[in-house]
Amino acid sequence: MKKPSASKRRGILAGGNWIIDRVKLIDVYPGPETLANILSESQGTGGGPYNVLVAMARSGAPFPLEGAGLVGHDDFGKQILADCKQRRIATTCLKQSARASTSYTDVMTEKATGRRTFFHSRAANALWDGGEIDFKKTKARIFHLGYLLVLDALDQPDKEFGTRAGRLLARAQAAGVKTSVDVVSEDGNRFTTLVAPALKYVDYCILNEIEAGKTTGFTVRSSDGKLDTVKLRHAAGALLQLGVRELVVIHFPEGAFARTRRGEDFWQPALKLPPKYIAGTAGAGDAFCTGVLWGLHEAWELKRSLLTGVCLAAASLSDPTCTAGIGSLSKSLALAKKYGFQPAIEKP
């Protein structure tokens, strides 16, 4: 069977973690055996594929959207499927399982700083291996997989491809689908054993600075918290050396950096938002990823894609949940004119 060329393909297929976030705004993060007050509660989308696809739908993406993953036969699972139907996100590969409940995360967000702490139940996500996806039948141009390190079945070793995630990504590439990955920020040393092997089968790698540093062994922030742009560039280069085929994008609160396989570097500062604007930082990374994937799908210049990414990230910050703050793409882009940008990132 002749595989469709990338130019004939259209749409984003996103697979991996499907989560309901239960966001609690607290006055302070407590120490052991001490009290914190819950000031407000809200519920929203969670997980890379869910956040990215909903952000695209809310922004008015002009191409097809499709989800892949596993939810339970419970209220949360029904809620996710109904939400996708309402937003015209195809769910042919988003299945329900009787073996586990739908994944959820309790997100504790400090009011003063917007810093988040996550208490996560992997549930059905731990069982998903992507086996139901037929990449030869899907018309999607890009397959986005997230998050590595919290997809138990895909994080298992594979003799030929390093991990089962690597095997899944290789299947997509063999069918002519471009691949993209995102990773969860965890405090551990599994990055080199679980993330690095999959990068050989990745076209677009979109990580934050913590994940990029842990995967490559570079400490990209100094002891005083300042971004080390020299080591950041080294980390991007190392990710390409690990096998990423086309593009590495690293995002951070100050903005974003991208390096292509051809060695081209691009910097983009974040928007200069007033502190009172920021209701929570949950989902900002996925919103940024949404903008970059949108641009890659539409073959925009990389500068435009990065700008779109930081604008969507800024929009997401206006609400404690991951995606409720995002409106039309034009409204998100208008934030750049309204607030301007942070100081230019010091380049090495």
Protein backbone atom coordinates (compact mmCIF):
# COMPACT_ATOMS: atom_id res chain seq x y z
CA MET A 1 0.00 0.00 0.00
CA LYS A 2 1.41 3.37 -1.00
CA LYS A 3 1.72 5.68 1.99
CA PRO A 4 0.25 9.19 1.68
CA SER A 5 2.84 11.92 1.27
CA ALA A 6 3.15 14.52 4.02
CA SER A 7 1.88 17.21 1.64
CA LYS A 8 -1.39 15.32 1.13
CA ARG A 9 -1.85 14.73 4.82
CA ARG A 10 -3.78 17.20 6.95
CA GLY A 11 -4.56 17.36 10.65
CA ILE A 12 -3.12 16.69 14.08
CA LEU A 13 -3.39 13.31 15.80
CA ALA A 14 -2.48 13.59 19.49
CA GLY A 15 -2.12 10.56 21.72
CA GLY A 16 -1.11 9.76 25.27
CA ASN A 17 -2.37 11.14 28.57
CA TRP A 18 -6.05 12.06 28.91
CA ILE A 19 -6.65 13.60 32.29
CA ILE A 20 -9.23 15.58 34.21
CA ASP A 21 -7.50 18.28 36.23
CA ARG A 22 -9.05 19.27 39.54
CA VAL A 23 -7.44 22.66 40.15
CA LYS A 24 -7.38 24.04 43.67
CA LEU A 25 -6.20 27.59 44.31
CA ILE A 26 -4.47 27.65 47.71
CA ASP A 27 -3.06 30.45 49.85
CA VAL A 28 0.28 28.73 50.42
CA TYR A 29 1.83 25.33 49.84
CA PRO A 30 2.02 23.73 53.29
CA GLY A 31 4.89 21.95 54.94
CA PRO A 32 4.37 18.52 56.51
CA GLU A 33 1.56 18.42 59.06
CA THR A 34 0.55 22.02 58.44
CA LEU A 35 -2.55 23.61 56.91
CA ALA A 36 -3.25 25.35 53.61
CA ASN A 37 -6.56 26.97 52.73
CA ILE A 38 -8.36 26.15 49.51
CA LEU A 39 -9.56 29.49 48.12
CA SER A 40 -11.35 28.20 45.02
CA GLU A 41 -11.76 25.08 42.90
CA SER A 42 -12.22 24.46 39.21
CA GLN A 43 -12.06 21.55 36.80
CA GLY A 44 -10.46 21.39 33.40
CA THR A 45 -8.54 19.47 30.79
CA GLY A 46 -5.25 17.74 31.52
CA GLY A 47 -2.61 15.75 29.68
CA GLY A 48 -0.67 16.67 26.55
CA PRO A 49 -3.05 15.42 23.84
CA TYR A 50 -6.21 16.67 25.55
CA ASN A 51 -4.75 20.12 26.25
CA VAL A 52 -3.24 20.55 22.79
CA LEU A 53 -6.35 19.45 20.89
CA VAL A 54 -8.73 21.54 23.00
CA ALA A 55 -6.43 24.57 22.70
CA MET A 56 -6.44 24.12 18.93
CA ALA A 57 -10.22 23.74 18.85
CA ARG A 58 -10.77 26.81 21.03
CA SER A 59 -8.38 28.79 18.83
CA GLY A 60 -10.21 27.83 15.65
CA ALA A 61 -7.73 25.45 14.01
CA PRO A 62 -8.65 25.06 10.33
CA PHE A 63 -7.53 21.43 10.09
CA PRO A 64 -8.83 18.11 11.46
CA LEU A 65 -8.14 17.14 15.08
CA GLU A 66 -8.01 13.56 16.35
CA GLY A 67 -7.35 12.04 19.75
CA ALA A 68 -5.87 8.68 20.77
CA GLY A 69 -5.71 7.21 24.24
CA LEU A 70 -7.64 5.43 26.95
CA VAL A 71 -10.27 6.55 29.47
CA GLY A 72 -12.48 4.65 31.87
CA HIS A 73 -16.18 3.77 31.85
CA ASP A 74 -16.84 6.47 34.43
CA ASP A 75 -18.13 10.02 34.63
CA PHE A 76 -14.74 11.54 33.83
CA GLY A 77 -14.37 9.30 30.78
CA LYS A 78 -17.85 10.17 29.52
CA GLN A 79 -17.09 13.83 30.13
CA ILE A 80 -13.91 13.71 28.02
CA LEU A 81 -15.64 11.94 25.13
CA ALA A 82 -18.57 14.36 25.20
CA ASP A 83 -16.19 17.32 25.28
CA CYS A 84 -14.32 16.00 22.24
CA LYS A 85 -17.58 15.44 20.36
CA GLN A 86 -18.68 19.01 21.08
CA ARG A 87 -15.34 20.37 19.84
CA ARG A 88 -15.28 18.11 16.75
CA ILE A 89 -12.24 16.20 17.91
CA ALA A 90 -12.39 12.72 16.38
CA THR A 91 -12.34 9.93 18.97
CA THR A 92 -12.02 6.80 16.82
CA CYS A 93 -8.75 5.99 18.61
CA LEU A 94 -9.83 7.30 22.03
CA LYS A 95 -11.14 4.16 23.68
CA GLN A 96 -12.85 3.30 26.97
CA SER A 97 -11.50 0.55 29.21
CA ALA A 98 -13.23 -1.47 31.90
CA ARG A 99 -9.85 -2.29 33.44
CA ALA A 100 -9.14 1.13 34.94
CA SER A 101 -10.71 4.46 35.76
CA THR A 102 -10.03 7.73 33.96
CA SER A 103 -6.85 9.48 35.00
CA TYR A 104 -7.07 12.65 37.08
CA THR A 105 -4.70 15.13 38.71
CA ASP A 106 -5.15 17.32 41.76
CA VAL A 107 -3.36 20.55 40.87
CA MET A 108 -2.45 22.74 43.84
CA THR A 109 -1.79 26.29 42.65
CA GLU A 110 -0.36 28.92 44.99
CA LYS A 111 -2.27 32.19 44.62
CA ALA A 112 0.68 34.56 45.02
CA THR A 113 3.14 32.83 42.68
CA GLY A 114 1.07 30.62 40.37
CA ARG A 115 3.42 27.73 41.16
CA ARG A 116 1.82 24.33 40.80
CA THR A 117 2.19 21.00 42.60
CA PHE A 118 0.62 17.90 41.05
CA PHE A 119 -0.88 14.82 42.67
CA HIS A 120 -1.53 12.46 39.81
CA SER A 121 -3.46 9.20 39.33
CA ARG A 122 -2.23 7.50 36.14
CA ALA A 123 -5.14 5.04 36.00
CA ALA A 124 -6.16 4.15 32.41
CA ASN A 125 -3.24 6.09 30.89
CA ALA A 126 -0.86 3.49 32.33
CA LEU A 127 -2.43 0.83 30.10
CA TRP A 128 -2.37 2.67 26.77
CA ASP A 129 0.13 1.42 24.19
CA GLY A 130 -1.18 3.02 20.98
CA GLY A 131 -1.98 -0.34 19.43
CA GLU A 132 -5.35 0.82 18.09
CA ILE A 133 -3.78 3.48 15.83
CA ASP A 134 -3.50 2.53 12.18
CA PHE A 135 -1.08 5.15 10.85
CA LYS A 136 -1.65 3.97 7.28
CA LYS A 137 -5.33 4.91 7.54
CA THR A 138 -5.10 8.18 9.42
CA LYS A 139 -4.81 11.29 7.27
CA ALA A 140 -3.07 13.27 10.00
CA ARG A 141 0.10 15.12 9.08
CA ILE A 142 1.57 15.15 12.61
CA PHE A 143 1.35 12.64 15.46
CA HIS A 144 1.99 14.30 18.82
CA LEU A 145 2.79 11.98 21.75
CA GLY A 146 2.75 13.14 25.36
CA TYR A 147 3.82 12.65 28.00
CA LEU A 148 6.77 10.29 28.07
CA LEU A 149 7.64 9.13 31.62
CA VAL A 150 3.97 8.81 32.67
CA LEU A 151 2.76 6.35 30.03
CA ASP A 152 3.71 3.10 31.74
CA ALA A 153 3.06 0.71 28.86
CA LEU A 154 4.98 2.89 26.37
CA ASP A 155 7.82 3.49 28.81
CA GLN A 156 8.58 -0.24 28.84
CA PRO A 157 11.84 -1.39 27.17
CA ASP A 158 11.89 -2.62 23.59
CA LYS A 159 14.87 -4.57 22.24
CA GLU A 160 14.71 -3.04 18.77
CA PHE A 161 13.48 0.52 19.42
CA GLY A 162 14.72 1.17 22.96
CA THR A 163 11.25 1.74 24.35
CA ARG A 164 7.73 0.91 23.22
CA ALA A 165 7.20 4.62 22.69
CA GLY A 166 10.06 4.49 20.20
CA ARG A 167 8.35 1.62 18.40
CA LEU A 168 5.06 3.55 18.23
CA LEU A 169 6.79 6.66 16.87
CA ALA A 170 8.70 4.56 14.33
CA ARG A 171 5.41 3.11 13.09
CA ALA A 172 4.10 6.61 12.54
CA GLN A 173 7.18 7.71 10.63
CA ALA A 174 7.13 4.58 8.47
CA ALA A 175 3.61 5.52 7.38
CA GLY A 176 4.68 9.04 6.41
CA VAL A 177 3.46 10.85 9.53
CA LYS A 178 5.66 13.48 11.19
CA THR A 179 6.19 12.85 14.91
CA SER A 180 6.36 15.15 17.90
CA VAL A 181 6.92 14.39 21.59
CA ASP A 182 6.55 16.10 24.93
CA VAL A 183 7.77 14.94 28.33
CA VAL A 184 6.59 15.40 31.90
CA SER A 185 8.78 17.31 34.35
CA GLU A 186 9.59 14.81 37.06
CA ASP A 187 12.21 14.81 39.77
CA GLY A 188 14.08 11.70 38.77
CA ASN A 189 16.81 10.16 36.62
CA ARG A 190 14.71 8.23 34.10
CA PHE A 191 15.14 10.76 31.28
CA THR A 192 18.28 9.20 29.82
CA THR A 193 16.82 5.68 29.83
CA LEU A 194 13.25 6.41 28.69
CA VAL A 195 13.28 9.69 26.77
CA ALA A 196 16.61 9.56 24.95
CA PRO A 197 15.99 6.24 23.09
CA ALA A 198 12.71 7.50 21.62
CA LEU A 199 14.30 10.62 20.13
CA LYS A 200 15.65 8.62 17.18
CA TYR A 201 12.06 8.43 15.93
CA VAL A 202 11.06 12.04 16.59
CA ASP A 203 10.85 14.84 14.01
CA TYR A 204 9.92 17.64 16.40
CA CYS A 205 11.03 17.62 20.05
CA ILE A 206 9.27 20.24 22.20
CA LEU A 207 10.42 20.32 25.85
CA ASN A 208 10.87 22.78 28.68
CA GLU A 209 14.31 23.68 29.97
CA ILE A 210 14.11 21.27 32.93
CA GLU A 211 13.25 18.30 30.71
CA ALA A 212 15.87 19.22 28.11
CA GLY A 213 18.53 19.50 30.79
CA LYS A 214 17.66 16.22 32.46
CA THR A 215 17.58 14.35 29.13
CA THR A 216 21.00 15.62 28.06
CA GLY A 217 22.79 16.10 31.39
CA PHE A 218 23.17 19.88 31.13
CA THR A 219 22.26 22.19 34.00
CA VAL A 220 20.58 25.02 32.12
CA ARG A 221 19.99 27.27 35.13
CA SER A 222 22.65 28.61 37.47
CA SER A 223 22.38 28.38 41.25
CA ASP A 224 20.71 31.82 41.37
CA GLY A 225 18.00 30.66 38.95
CA LYS A 226 19.31 32.56 35.92
CA LEU A 227 18.95 30.84 32.55
CA ASP A 228 22.32 29.68 31.21
CA THR A 229 21.88 30.28 27.49
CA VAL A 230 25.17 28.62 26.61
CA LYS A 231 24.18 25.34 28.24
CA LEU A 232 20.68 25.70 26.84
CA ARG A 233 22.12 25.75 23.32
CA HIS A 234 24.33 22.78 24.19
CA ALA A 235 21.26 20.89 25.40
CA ALA A 236 19.43 21.62 22.13
CA GLY A 237 22.42 20.40 20.15
CA ALA A 238 22.65 17.25 22.27
CA LEU A 239 18.97 16.47 21.63
CA LEU A 240 19.66 16.65 17.91
CA GLN A 241 22.67 14.38 18.36
CA LEU A 242 20.42 11.89 20.16
CA GLY A 243 18.45 11.58 16.94
CA VAL A 244 15.78 14.29 16.65
CA ARG A 245 15.41 14.62 12.90
CA GLU A 246 14.29 18.18 12.21
CA LEU A 247 13.69 20.54 15.12
CA VAL A 248 14.27 21.02 18.85
CA VAL A 249 12.24 23.65 20.68
CA ILE A 250 12.90 24.44 24.34
CA HIS A 251 10.47 26.69 26.20
CA PHE A 252 10.89 28.38 29.58
CA PRO A 253 9.21 31.21 31.53
CA GLU A 254 11.44 33.80 29.84
CA GLY A 255 10.54 32.63 26.33
CA ALA A 256 11.72 29.95 23.92
CA PHE A 257 14.69 28.76 21.89
CA ALA A 258 14.65 26.63 18.74
CA ARG A 259 17.40 24.92 16.78
CA THR A 260 16.93 23.21 13.45
CA ARG A 261 18.82 20.23 12.05
CA ARG A 262 20.52 22.73 9.71
CA GLY A 263 21.95 24.55 12.74
CA GLU A 264 19.70 27.61 12.62
CA ASP A 265 18.93 29.20 15.99
CA PHE A 266 15.84 31.23 16.91
CA TRP A 267 15.02 33.07 20.15
CA GLN A 268 11.62 34.35 21.24
CA PRO A 269 10.96 36.26 24.49
CA ALA A 270 7.76 35.65 26.44
CA LEU A 271 5.09 38.29 26.87
CA LYS A 272 5.50 40.84 29.66
CA LEU A 273 2.39 40.05 31.66
CA PRO A 274 1.40 41.90 34.84
CA PRO A 275 1.45 39.64 37.94
CA LYS A 276 -2.28 40.04 38.52
CA TYR A 277 -2.96 38.66 35.04
CA ILE A 278 -1.57 35.22 35.91
CA ALA A 279 -4.24 33.01 37.46
CA GLY A 280 -2.19 29.81 37.20
CA THR A 281 0.60 28.29 35.14
CA ALA A 282 -0.94 24.85 34.56
CA GLY A 283 -1.01 24.04 30.86
CA ALA A 284 1.21 26.89 29.67
CA GLY A 285 3.72 24.44 28.18
CA ASP A 286 1.01 22.58 26.27
CA ALA A 287 -0.41 25.89 25.03
CA PHE A 288 3.03 26.86 23.77
CA CYS A 289 3.35 23.45 22.11
CA THR A 290 -0.02 24.04 20.45
CA GLY A 291 1.26 27.18 18.75
CA VAL A 292 4.44 25.52 17.52
CA LEU A 293 2.59 22.46 16.18
CA TRP A 294 0.06 24.71 14.46
CA GLY A 295 2.88 26.54 12.70
CA LEU A 296 4.66 23.34 11.73
CA HIS A 297 1.46 21.93 10.31
CA GLU A 298 0.86 25.06 8.26
CA ALA A 299 4.54 25.39 7.22
CA TRP A 300 4.91 28.84 8.79
CA GLU A 301 8.29 30.47 9.31
CA LEU A 302 9.66 29.29 12.65
CA LYS A 303 9.67 32.81 14.09
CA ARG A 304 5.92 33.02 13.55
CA SER A 305 5.40 29.61 15.16
CA LEU A 306 7.37 30.60 18.27
CA LEU A 307 5.48 33.89 18.53
CA THR A 308 2.19 32.01 18.30
CA GLY A 309 3.42 29.63 20.99
CA VAL A 310 4.24 32.34 23.54
CA CYS A 311 0.96 34.14 22.81
CA LEU A 312 -1.10 30.97 23.38
CA ALA A 313 0.89 30.29 26.54
CA ALA A 314 0.09 33.81 27.74
CA ALA A 315 -3.61 33.28 27.05
CA SER A 316 -3.60 30.05 29.06
CA LEU A 317 -2.13 31.86 32.07
CA SER A 318 -5.30 33.92 32.48
CA ASP A 319 -7.20 30.95 33.94
CA PRO A 320 -6.26 28.40 36.63
CA THR A 321 -7.10 25.51 34.29
CA CYS A 322 -5.02 24.46 31.31
CA THR A 323 -7.21 25.62 28.43
CA ALA A 324 -10.18 27.73 29.60
CA GLY A 325 -8.21 30.96 29.19
CA ILE A 326 -7.61 30.34 25.49
CA GLY A 327 -9.94 31.99 22.98
CA SER A 328 -9.59 32.61 19.27
CA LEU A 329 -6.11 32.71 17.79
CA SER A 330 -6.51 36.38 16.91
CA LYS A 331 -7.30 37.22 20.55
CA SER A 332 -4.24 35.34 21.76
CA LEU A 333 -1.99 37.07 19.22
CA ALA A 334 -3.43 40.45 20.25
CA LEU A 335 -1.93 39.95 23.72
CA ALA A 336 1.52 40.64 22.25
CA LYS A 337 0.44 44.11 21.16
CA LYS A 338 -1.32 44.77 24.46
CA TYR A 339 1.46 43.72 26.82
CA GLY A 340 4.63 43.65 24.77
CA PHE A 341 7.55 41.32 25.46
CA GLN A 342 9.99 40.63 28.24
CA PRO A 343 13.56 41.89 27.72
CA ALA A 344 15.39 40.12 24.92
CA ILE A 345 17.02 36.91 26.05
CA GLU A 346 20.78 37.26 26.42
CA LYS A 347 22.25 35.21 23.63
CA PRO A 348 25.60 33.45 24.07
